[in-house]
Amino acid sequence: MSITSAIVLFAVIWFMVLFVILPLRLTTQGEAGQVAPGTPESAPADPRIGRKMRLATVIAAVLWAVVAGVILSGAVSVRDLDWFGRMSSPAPRGDGTGG
């Protein structure tokens, strides 16, 4: 895995985790009873975005380490995900190992 692939993988995991975390423990302005003029009642009263971003970073780092470890170990490859058999078989290496 190249450094670019690792960064993209981390970014994708980070955003997925952030979008899961954002609605947790959310108190709307309507529930709090203090609706700011010009905003809907469903707008967050205290979103605590910084805390949620830090939490998403920690969780994403752990998940990224697991996913990157699986990718780098070779336990799962692209050919393992070829459920319809569309990929050709690997070409022999020429060193007698056959794959």
PDB file of N, CA and C in Angstrom:
ATOM      1  N   MET A   1       0.854  -1.162   0.000  1.00  0.00           N
ATOM      2  CA  MET A   1       0.000   0.000   0.000  1.00  0.00           C
ATOM      3  C   MET A   1       0.902   1.228   0.000  1.00  0.00           C
ATOM      4  N   SER A   2       0.648   2.116  -0.930  1.00  0.00           N
ATOM      5  CA  SER A   2       1.440   3.339  -0.996  1.00  0.00           C
ATOM      6  C   SER A   2       0.946   4.330   0.063  1.00  0.00           C
ATOM      7  N   ILE A   3       1.716   5.380   0.277  1.00  0.00           N
ATOM      8  CA  ILE A   3       1.351   6.388   1.272  1.00  0.00           C
ATOM      9  C   ILE A   3       0.065   7.098   0.867  1.00  0.00           C
ATOM     10  N   THR A   4      -0.125   7.298  -0.433  1.00  0.00           N
ATOM     11  CA  THR A   4      -1.349   7.941  -0.901  1.00  0.00           C
ATOM     12  C   THR A   4      -2.560   7.069  -0.615  1.00  0.00           C
ATOM     13  N   SER A   5      -2.427   5.777  -0.862  1.00  0.00           N
ATOM     14  CA  SER A   5      -3.525   4.846  -0.573  1.00  0.00           C
ATOM     15  C   SER A   5      -3.838   4.828   0.916  1.00  0.00           C
ATOM     16  N   ALA A   6      -2.813   4.873   1.741  1.00  0.00           N
ATOM     17  CA  ALA A   6      -3.015   4.862   3.190  1.00  0.00           C
ATOM     18  C   ALA A   6      -3.750   6.124   3.652  1.00  0.00           C
ATOM     19  N   ILE A   7      -3.394   7.263   3.089  1.00  0.00           N
ATOM     20  CA  ILE A   7      -4.049   8.523   3.463  1.00  0.00           C
ATOM     21  C   ILE A   7      -5.503   8.531   3.005  1.00  0.00           C
ATOM     22  N   VAL A   8      -5.751   8.066   1.785  1.00  0.00           N
ATOM     23  CA  VAL A   8      -7.126   8.022   1.274  1.00  0.00           C
ATOM     24  C   VAL A   8      -7.965   7.056   2.106  1.00  0.00           C
ATOM     25  N   LEU A   9      -7.396   5.908   2.442  1.00  0.00           N
ATOM     26  CA  LEU A   9      -8.112   4.938   3.277  1.00  0.00           C
ATOM     27  C   LEU A   9      -8.452   5.546   4.628  1.00  0.00           C
ATOM     28  N   PHE A  10      -7.512   6.255   5.242  1.00  0.00           N
ATOM     29  CA  PHE A  10      -7.782   6.890   6.531  1.00  0.00           C
ATOM     30  C   PHE A  10      -8.869   7.947   6.395  1.00  0.00           C
ATOM     31  N   ALA A  11      -8.825   8.756   5.329  1.00  0.00           N
ATOM     32  CA  ALA A  11      -9.824   9.808   5.141  1.00  0.00           C
ATOM     33  C   ALA A  11     -11.222   9.216   4.972  1.00  0.00           C
ATOM     34  N   VAL A  12     -11.338   8.149   4.214  1.00  0.00           N
ATOM     35  CA  VAL A  12     -12.643   7.519   4.010  1.00  0.00           C
ATOM     36  C   VAL A  12     -13.171   6.963   5.330  1.00  0.00           C
ATOM     37  N   ILE A  13     -12.323   6.269   6.065  1.00  0.00           N
ATOM     38  CA  ILE A  13     -12.744   5.705   7.350  1.00  0.00           C
ATOM     39  C   ILE A  13     -13.105   6.830   8.319  1.00  0.00           C
ATOM     40  N   TRP A  14     -12.313   7.901   8.344  1.00  0.00           N
ATOM     41  CA  TRP A  14     -12.564   9.011   9.267  1.00  0.00           C
ATOM     42  C   TRP A  14     -13.927   9.644   9.003  1.00  0.00           C
ATOM     43  N   PHE A  15     -14.237   9.917   7.742  1.00  0.00           N
ATOM     44  CA  PHE A  15     -15.525  10.543   7.431  1.00  0.00           C
ATOM     45  C   PHE A  15     -16.688   9.600   7.741  1.00  0.00           C
ATOM     46  N   MET A  16     -16.522   8.320   7.470  1.00  0.00           N
ATOM     47  CA  MET A  16     -17.586   7.359   7.800  1.00  0.00           C
ATOM     48  C   MET A  16     -17.839   7.340   9.303  1.00  0.00           C
ATOM     49  N   VAL A  17     -16.775   7.321  10.087  1.00  0.00           N
ATOM     50  CA  VAL A  17     -16.922   7.313  11.548  1.00  0.00           C
ATOM     51  C   VAL A  17     -17.537   8.627  12.021  1.00  0.00           C
ATOM     52  N   LEU A  18     -17.109   9.745  11.448  1.00  0.00           N
ATOM     53  CA  LEU A  18     -17.662  11.044  11.847  1.00  0.00           C
ATOM     54  C   LEU A  18     -19.157  11.105  11.588  1.00  0.00           C
ATOM     55  N   PHE A  19     -19.602  10.621  10.420  1.00  0.00           N
ATOM     56  CA  PHE A  19     -21.023  10.669  10.101  1.00  0.00           C
ATOM     57  C   PHE A  19     -21.847   9.749  10.999  1.00  0.00           C
ATOM     58  N   VAL A  20     -21.229   8.713  11.541  1.00  0.00           N
ATOM     59  CA  VAL A  20     -21.928   7.851  12.499  1.00  0.00           C
ATOM     60  C   VAL A  20     -22.002   8.537  13.861  1.00  0.00           C
ATOM     61  N   ILE A  21     -20.953   9.247  14.243  1.00  0.00           N
ATOM     62  CA  ILE A  21     -20.874   9.868  15.562  1.00  0.00           C
ATOM     63  C   ILE A  21     -21.702  11.156  15.660  1.00  0.00           C
ATOM     64  N   LEU A  22     -21.826  11.900  14.568  1.00  0.00           N
ATOM     65  CA  LEU A  22     -22.484  13.211  14.636  1.00  0.00           C
ATOM     66  C   LEU A  22     -23.867  13.209  15.291  1.00  0.00           C
ATOM     67  N   PRO A  23     -24.764  12.290  14.981  1.00  0.00           N
ATOM     68  CA  PRO A  23     -26.088  12.378  15.605  1.00  0.00           C
ATOM     69  C   PRO A  23     -26.168  11.835  17.038  1.00  0.00           C
ATOM     70  N   LEU A  24     -25.103  11.257  17.547  1.00  0.00           N
ATOM     71  CA  LEU A  24     -25.149  10.705  18.898  1.00  0.00           C
ATOM     72  C   LEU A  24     -25.173  11.819  19.945  1.00  0.00           C
ATOM     73  N   ARG A  25     -26.006  11.644  20.957  1.00  0.00           N
ATOM     74  CA  ARG A  25     -26.161  12.617  22.052  1.00  0.00           C
ATOM     75  C   ARG A  25     -26.455  14.023  21.545  1.00  0.00           C
ATOM     76  N   LEU A  26     -27.270  14.109  20.522  1.00  0.00           N
ATOM     77  CA  LEU A  26     -27.618  15.389  19.928  1.00  0.00           C
ATOM     78  C   LEU A  26     -28.855  15.952  20.619  1.00  0.00           C
ATOM     79  N   THR A  27     -28.762  17.185  21.054  1.00  0.00           N
ATOM     80  CA  THR A  27     -29.902  17.892  21.621  1.00  0.00           C
ATOM     81  C   THR A  27     -30.273  18.999  20.660  1.00  0.00           C
ATOM     82  N   THR A  28     -31.493  18.970  20.173  1.00  0.00           N
ATOM     83  CA  THR A  28     -31.920  19.999  19.225  1.00  0.00           C
ATOM     84  C   THR A  28     -32.321  21.268  19.958  1.00  0.00           C
ATOM     85  N   GLN A  29     -32.392  22.349  19.200  1.00  0.00           N
ATOM     86  CA  GLN A  29     -32.820  23.614  19.798  1.00  0.00           C
ATOM     87  C   GLN A  29     -34.264  23.529  20.272  1.00  0.00           C
ATOM     88  N   GLY A  30     -35.074  22.760  19.568  1.00  0.00           N
ATOM     89  CA  GLY A  30     -36.470  22.592  19.977  1.00  0.00           C
ATOM     90  C   GLY A  30     -36.572  21.860  21.303  1.00  0.00           C
ATOM     91  N   GLU A  31     -35.725  20.831  21.494  1.00  0.00           N
ATOM     92  CA  GLU A  31     -35.734  20.097  22.763  1.00  0.00           C
ATOM     93  C   GLU A  31     -35.219  20.969  23.903  1.00  0.00           C
ATOM     94  N   ALA A  32     -34.233  21.821  23.596  1.00  0.00           N
ATOM     95  CA  ALA A  32     -33.660  22.695  24.626  1.00  0.00           C
ATOM     96  C   ALA A  32     -34.564  23.874  24.939  1.00  0.00           C
ATOM     97  N   GLY A  33     -35.499  24.176  24.025  1.00  0.00           N
ATOM     98  CA  GLY A  33     -36.415  25.290  24.260  1.00  0.00           C
ATOM     99  C   GLY A  33     -35.830  26.639  23.913  1.00  0.00           C
ATOM    100  N   GLN A  34     -34.719  26.679  23.208  1.00  0.00           N
ATOM    101  CA  GLN A  34     -34.081  27.943  22.833  1.00  0.00           C
ATOM    102  C   GLN A  34     -33.787  27.918  21.335  1.00  0.00           C
ATOM    103  N   VAL A  35     -34.767  28.272  20.537  1.00  0.00           N
ATOM    104  CA  VAL A  35     -34.599  28.274  19.080  1.00  0.00           C
ATOM    105  C   VAL A  35     -34.083  29.639  18.654  1.00  0.00           C
ATOM    106  N   ALA A  36     -32.910  29.652  18.020  1.00  0.00           N
ATOM    107  CA  ALA A  36     -32.331  30.902  17.543  1.00  0.00           C
ATOM    108  C   ALA A  36     -33.118  31.374  16.325  1.00  0.00           C
ATOM    109  N   PRO A  37     -33.329  32.674  16.204  1.00  0.00           N
ATOM    110  CA  PRO A  37     -34.071  33.191  15.057  1.00  0.00           C
ATOM    111  C   PRO A  37     -33.380  32.812  13.732  1.00  0.00           C
ATOM    112  N   GLY A  38     -34.184  32.347  12.789  1.00  0.00           N
ATOM    113  CA  GLY A  38     -33.657  32.005  11.473  1.00  0.00           C
ATOM    114  C   GLY A  38     -33.159  30.575  11.357  1.00  0.00           C
ATOM    115  N   THR A  39     -33.280  29.779  12.423  1.00  0.00           N
ATOM    116  CA  THR A  39     -32.843  28.382  12.373  1.00  0.00           C
ATOM    117  C   THR A  39     -34.036  27.474  12.645  1.00  0.00           C
ATOM    118  N   PRO A  40     -33.998  26.268  12.101  1.00  0.00           N
ATOM    119  CA  PRO A  40     -35.093  25.327  12.392  1.00  0.00           C
ATOM    120  C   PRO A  40     -34.972  24.771  13.806  1.00  0.00           C
ATOM    121  N   GLU A  41     -36.072  24.243  14.302  1.00  0.00           N
ATOM    122  CA  GLU A  41     -36.061  23.664  15.645  1.00  0.00           C
ATOM    123  C   GLU A  41     -35.160  22.435  15.726  1.00  0.00           C
ATOM    124  N   SER A  42     -34.916  21.794  14.575  1.00  0.00           N
ATOM    125  CA  SER A  42     -34.097  20.581  14.566  1.00  0.00           C
ATOM    126  C   SER A  42     -32.598  20.866  14.537  1.00  0.00           C
ATOM    127  N   ALA A  43     -32.204  22.131  14.511  1.00  0.00           N
ATOM    128  CA  ALA A  43     -30.783  22.471  14.532  1.00  0.00           C
ATOM    129  C   ALA A  43     -30.194  22.121  15.898  1.00  0.00           C
ATOM    130  N   PRO A  44     -28.935  21.671  15.932  1.00  0.00           N
ATOM    131  CA  PRO A  44     -28.339  21.289  17.219  1.00  0.00           C
ATOM    132  C   PRO A  44     -28.183  22.498  18.144  1.00  0.00           C
ATOM    133  N   ALA A  45     -28.453  22.273  19.420  1.00  0.00           N
ATOM    134  CA  ALA A  45     -28.290  23.336  20.400  1.00  0.00           C
ATOM    135  C   ALA A  45     -26.820  23.484  20.785  1.00  0.00           C
ATOM    136  N   ASP A  46     -26.144  22.378  21.012  1.00  0.00           N
ATOM    137  CA  ASP A  46     -24.720  22.389  21.358  1.00  0.00           C
ATOM    138  C   ASP A  46     -24.060  21.217  20.630  1.00  0.00           C
ATOM    139  N   PRO A  47     -23.589  21.426  19.407  1.00  0.00           N
ATOM    140  CA  PRO A  47     -23.118  20.303  18.592  1.00  0.00           C
ATOM    141  C   PRO A  47     -21.822  19.655  19.069  1.00  0.00           C
ATOM    142  N   ARG A  48     -20.967  20.373  19.795  1.00  0.00           N
ATOM    143  CA  ARG A  48     -19.681  19.843  20.272  1.00  0.00           C
ATOM    144  C   ARG A  48     -18.909  19.163  19.139  1.00  0.00           C
ATOM    145  N   ILE A  49     -18.741  19.876  18.042  1.00  0.00           N
ATOM    146  CA  ILE A  49     -18.096  19.323  16.848  1.00  0.00           C
ATOM    147  C   ILE A  49     -16.642  18.955  17.119  1.00  0.00           C
ATOM    148  N   GLY A  50     -15.922  19.781  17.836  1.00  0.00           N
ATOM    149  CA  GLY A  50     -14.508  19.504  18.118  1.00  0.00           C
ATOM    150  C   GLY A  50     -14.318  18.195  18.870  1.00  0.00           C
ATOM    151  N   ARG A  51     -15.142  17.966  19.866  1.00  0.00           N
ATOM    152  CA  ARG A  51     -15.058  16.723  20.641  1.00  0.00           C
ATOM    153  C   ARG A  51     -15.382  15.518  19.764  1.00  0.00           C
ATOM    154  N   LYS A  52     -16.389  15.655  18.921  1.00  0.00           N
ATOM    155  CA  LYS A  52     -16.776  14.552  18.047  1.00  0.00           C
ATOM    156  C   LYS A  52     -15.711  14.284  16.987  1.00  0.00           C
ATOM    157  N   MET A  53     -15.038  15.320  16.523  1.00  0.00           N
ATOM    158  CA  MET A  53     -13.964  15.134  15.547  1.00  0.00           C
ATOM    159  C   MET A  53     -12.769  14.423  16.181  1.00  0.00           C
ATOM    160  N   ARG A  54     -12.446  14.772  17.416  1.00  0.00           N
ATOM    161  CA  ARG A  54     -11.351  14.082  18.112  1.00  0.00           C
ATOM    162  C   ARG A  54     -11.692  12.614  18.351  1.00  0.00           C
ATOM    163  N   LEU A  55     -12.915  12.352  18.743  1.00  0.00           N
ATOM    164  CA  LEU A  55     -13.353  10.975  18.955  1.00  0.00           C
ATOM    165  C   LEU A  55     -13.334  10.193  17.643  1.00  0.00           C
ATOM    166  N   ALA A  56     -13.774  10.826  16.563  1.00  0.00           N
ATOM    167  CA  ALA A  56     -13.745  10.178  15.248  1.00  0.00           C
ATOM    168  C   ALA A  56     -12.312   9.870  14.832  1.00  0.00           C
ATOM    169  N   THR A  57     -11.374  10.745  15.154  1.00  0.00           N
ATOM    170  CA  THR A  57      -9.978  10.519  14.808  1.00  0.00           C
ATOM    171  C   THR A  57      -9.412   9.312  15.550  1.00  0.00           C
ATOM    172  N   VAL A  58      -9.720   9.200  16.820  1.00  0.00           N
ATOM    173  CA  VAL A  58      -9.218   8.065  17.611  1.00  0.00           C
ATOM    174  C   VAL A  58      -9.803   6.751  17.101  1.00  0.00           C
ATOM    175  N   ILE A  59     -11.110   6.725  16.893  1.00  0.00           N
ATOM    176  CA  ILE A  59     -11.765   5.506  16.413  1.00  0.00           C
ATOM    177  C   ILE A  59     -11.283   5.158  15.013  1.00  0.00           C
ATOM    178  N   ALA A  60     -11.157   6.163  14.141  1.00  0.00           N
ATOM    179  CA  ALA A  60     -10.701   5.913  12.767  1.00  0.00           C
ATOM    180  C   ALA A  60      -9.268   5.404  12.751  1.00  0.00           C
ATOM    181  N   ALA A  61      -8.430   5.885  13.644  1.00  0.00           N
ATOM    182  CA  ALA A  61      -7.043   5.415  13.691  1.00  0.00           C
ATOM    183  C   ALA A  61      -6.986   3.932  14.047  1.00  0.00           C
ATOM    184  N   VAL A  62      -7.817   3.517  14.993  1.00  0.00           N
ATOM    185  CA  VAL A  62      -7.855   2.102  15.372  1.00  0.00           C
ATOM    186  C   VAL A  62      -8.378   1.258  14.214  1.00  0.00           C
ATOM    187  N   LEU A  63      -9.483   1.689  13.610  1.00  0.00           N
ATOM    188  CA  LEU A  63     -10.043   0.946  12.481  1.00  0.00           C
ATOM    189  C   LEU A  63      -9.078   0.912  11.304  1.00  0.00           C
ATOM    190  N   TRP A  64      -8.397   2.044  11.044  1.00  0.00           N
ATOM    191  CA  TRP A  64      -7.435   2.101   9.944  1.00  0.00           C
ATOM    192  C   TRP A  64      -6.283   1.125  10.189  1.00  0.00           C
ATOM    193  N   ALA A  65      -5.812   1.042  11.414  1.00  0.00           N
ATOM    194  CA  ALA A  65      -4.717   0.121  11.716  1.00  0.00           C
ATOM    195  C   ALA A  65      -5.133  -1.323  11.447  1.00  0.00           C
ATOM    196  N   VAL A  66      -6.360  -1.664  11.800  1.00  0.00           N
ATOM    197  CA  VAL A  66      -6.853  -3.023  11.554  1.00  0.00           C
ATOM    198  C   VAL A  66      -6.982  -3.285  10.056  1.00  0.00           C
ATOM    199  N   VAL A  67      -7.629  -2.364   9.335  1.00  0.00           N
ATOM    200  CA  VAL A  67      -7.831  -2.550   7.894  1.00  0.00           C
ATOM    201  C   VAL A  67      -6.499  -2.556   7.156  1.00  0.00           C
ATOM    202  N   ALA A  68      -5.606  -1.636   7.483  1.00  0.00           N
ATOM    203  CA  ALA A  68      -4.292  -1.600   6.827  1.00  0.00           C
ATOM    204  C   ALA A  68      -3.498  -2.859   7.137  1.00  0.00           C
ATOM    205  N   GLY A  69      -3.602  -3.353   8.361  1.00  0.00           N
ATOM    206  CA  GLY A  69      -2.916  -4.590   8.715  1.00  0.00           C
ATOM    207  C   GLY A  69      -3.415  -5.770   7.903  1.00  0.00           C
ATOM    208  N   VAL A  70      -4.719  -5.854   7.705  1.00  0.00           N
ATOM    209  CA  VAL A  70      -5.289  -6.934   6.899  1.00  0.00           C
ATOM    210  C   VAL A  70      -4.828  -6.807   5.451  1.00  0.00           C
ATOM    211  N   ILE A  71      -4.826  -5.602   4.925  1.00  0.00           N
ATOM    212  CA  ILE A  71      -4.401  -5.391   3.534  1.00  0.00           C
ATOM    213  C   ILE A  71      -2.929  -5.727   3.373  1.00  0.00           C
ATOM    214  N   LEU A  72      -2.091  -5.234   4.270  1.00  0.00           N
ATOM    215  CA  LEU A  72      -0.651  -5.446   4.137  1.00  0.00           C
ATOM    216  C   LEU A  72      -0.242  -6.895   4.401  1.00  0.00           C
ATOM    217  N   SER A  73      -1.005  -7.593   5.230  1.00  0.00           N
ATOM    218  CA  SER A  73      -0.664  -8.987   5.514  1.00  0.00           C
ATOM    219  C   SER A  73      -1.010  -9.907   4.353  1.00  0.00           C
ATOM    220  N   GLY A  74      -1.891  -9.457   3.489  1.00  0.00           N
ATOM    221  CA  GLY A  74      -2.300 -10.282   2.365  1.00  0.00           C
ATOM    222  C   GLY A  74      -3.387 -11.274   2.724  1.00  0.00           C
ATOM    223  N   ALA A  75      -3.963 -11.162   3.909  1.00  0.00           N
ATOM    224  CA  ALA A  75      -5.028 -12.071   4.334  1.00  0.00           C
ATOM    225  C   ALA A  75      -6.243 -11.963   3.419  1.00  0.00           C
ATOM    226  N   VAL A  76      -6.516 -10.760   2.930  1.00  0.00           N
ATOM    227  CA  VAL A  76      -7.601 -10.536   1.980  1.00  0.00           C
ATOM    228  C   VAL A  76      -7.019  -9.778   0.809  1.00  0.00           C
ATOM    229  N   SER A  77      -7.257 -10.277  -0.391  1.00  0.00           N
ATOM    230  CA  SER A  77      -6.770  -9.591  -1.589  1.00  0.00           C
ATOM    231  C   SER A  77      -7.959  -9.247  -2.477  1.00  0.00           C
ATOM    232  N   VAL A  78      -7.694  -8.527  -3.546  1.00  0.00           N
ATOM    233  CA  VAL A  78      -8.751  -8.152  -4.476  1.00  0.00           C
ATOM    234  C   VAL A  78      -9.362  -9.400  -5.104  1.00  0.00           C
ATOM    235  N   ARG A  79      -8.542 -10.388  -5.356  1.00  0.00           N
ATOM    236  CA  ARG A  79      -9.047 -11.632  -5.957  1.00  0.00           C
ATOM    237  C   ARG A  79     -10.005 -12.369  -5.016  1.00  0.00           C
ATOM    238  N   ASP A  80      -9.858 -12.204  -3.728  1.00  0.00           N
ATOM    239  CA  ASP A  80     -10.785 -12.810  -2.777  1.00  0.00           C
ATOM    240  C   ASP A  80     -12.170 -12.183  -2.865  1.00  0.00           C
ATOM    241  N   LEU A  81     -12.235 -10.955  -3.340  1.00  0.00           N
ATOM    242  CA  LEU A  81     -13.499 -10.240  -3.457  1.00  0.00           C
ATOM    243  C   LEU A  81     -14.130 -10.397  -4.837  1.00  0.00           C
ATOM    244  N   ASP A  82     -13.522 -11.192  -5.719  1.00  0.00           N
ATOM    245  CA  ASP A  82     -14.025 -11.423  -7.067  1.00  0.00           C
ATOM    246  C   ASP A  82     -15.067 -12.544  -7.020  1.00  0.00           C
ATOM    247  N   TRP A  83     -16.298 -12.194  -6.621  1.00  0.00           N
ATOM    248  CA  TRP A  83     -17.342 -13.183  -6.431  1.00  0.00           C
ATOM    249  C   TRP A  83     -17.900 -13.719  -7.742  1.00  0.00           C
ATOM    250  N   PHE A  84     -17.746 -12.989  -8.830  1.00  0.00           N
ATOM    251  CA  PHE A  84     -18.324 -13.393 -10.103  1.00  0.00           C
ATOM    252  C   PHE A  84     -17.302 -14.004 -11.050  1.00  0.00           C
ATOM    253  N   GLY A  85     -16.056 -14.159 -10.610  1.00  0.00           N
ATOM    254  CA  GLY A  85     -15.029 -14.793 -11.418  1.00  0.00           C
ATOM    255  C   GLY A  85     -14.633 -14.003 -12.647  1.00  0.00           C
ATOM    256  N   ARG A  86     -14.664 -12.701 -12.582  1.00  0.00           N
ATOM    257  CA  ARG A  86     -14.343 -11.853 -13.731  1.00  0.00           C
ATOM    258  C   ARG A  86     -12.848 -11.598 -13.880  1.00  0.00           C
ATOM    259  N   MET A  87     -12.080 -11.843 -12.847  1.00  0.00           N
ATOM    260  CA  MET A  87     -10.637 -11.636 -12.925  1.00  0.00           C
ATOM    261  C   MET A  87      -9.983 -12.916 -13.422  1.00  0.00           C
ATOM    262  N   SER A  88      -8.982 -12.748 -14.253  1.00  0.00           N
ATOM    263  CA  SER A  88      -8.280 -13.936 -14.742  1.00  0.00           C
ATOM    264  C   SER A  88      -7.386 -14.486 -13.639  1.00  0.00           C
ATOM    265  N   SER A  89      -6.980 -15.722 -13.802  1.00  0.00           N
ATOM    266  CA  SER A  89      -6.098 -16.320 -12.801  1.00  0.00           C
ATOM    267  C   SER A  89      -4.745 -15.633 -12.852  1.00  0.00           C
ATOM    268  N   PRO A  90      -4.025 -15.599 -11.742  1.00  0.00           N
ATOM    269  CA  PRO A  90      -2.730 -14.911 -11.728  1.00  0.00           C
ATOM    270  C   PRO A  90      -1.727 -15.605 -12.640  1.00  0.00           C
ATOM    271  N   ALA A  91      -0.904 -14.805 -13.307  1.00  0.00           N
ATOM    272  CA  ALA A  91       0.132 -15.346 -14.188  1.00  0.00           C
ATOM    273  C   ALA A  91       1.220 -15.980 -13.358  1.00  0.00           C
ATOM    274  N   PRO A  92       1.807 -17.091 -13.812  1.00  0.00           N
ATOM    275  CA  PRO A  92       2.910 -17.715 -13.063  1.00  0.00           C
ATOM    276  C   PRO A  92       4.088 -16.768 -12.953  1.00  0.00           C
ATOM    277  N   ARG A  93       4.769 -16.833 -11.822  1.00  0.00           N
ATOM    278  CA  ARG A  93       5.898 -15.943 -11.573  1.00  0.00           C
ATOM    279  C   ARG A  93       7.165 -16.392 -12.288  1.00  0.00           C
ATOM    280  N   GLY A  94       7.276 -17.643 -12.611  1.00  0.00           N
ATOM    281  CA  GLY A  94       8.478 -18.127 -13.258  1.00  0.00           C
ATOM    282  C   GLY A  94       9.524 -18.621 -12.275  1.00  0.00           C
ATOM    283  N   ASP A  95       9.197 -18.571 -10.979  1.00  0.00           N
ATOM    284  CA  ASP A  95      10.144 -19.041  -9.983  1.00  0.00           C
ATOM    285  C   ASP A  95       9.748 -20.401  -9.427  1.00  0.00           C
ATOM    286  N   GLY A  96       8.785 -21.046 -10.076  1.00  0.00           N
ATOM    287  CA  GLY A  96       8.380 -22.356  -9.655  1.00  0.00           C
ATOM    288  C   GLY A  96       7.311 -22.403  -8.596  1.00  0.00           C
ATOM    289  N   THR A  97       6.849 -21.206  -8.131  1.00  0.00           N
ATOM    290  CA  THR A  97       5.831 -21.185  -7.095  1.00  0.00           C
ATOM    291  C   THR A  97       4.428 -21.248  -7.676  1.00  0.00           C
ATOM    292  N   GLY A  98       4.292 -20.894  -8.941  1.00  0.00           N
ATOM    293  CA  GLY A  98       3.017 -21.022  -9.613  1.00  0.00           C
ATOM    294  C   GLY A  98       2.047 -19.894  -9.395  1.00  0.00           C
ATOM    295  N   GLY A  99       2.327 -18.948  -8.600  1.00  0.00           N
ATOM    296  CA  GLY A  99       1.337 -17.896  -8.417  1.00  0.00           C
ATOM    297  C   GLY A  99       1.974 -16.693  -7.963  1.00  0.00           C
TER     298      GLY A  99
END
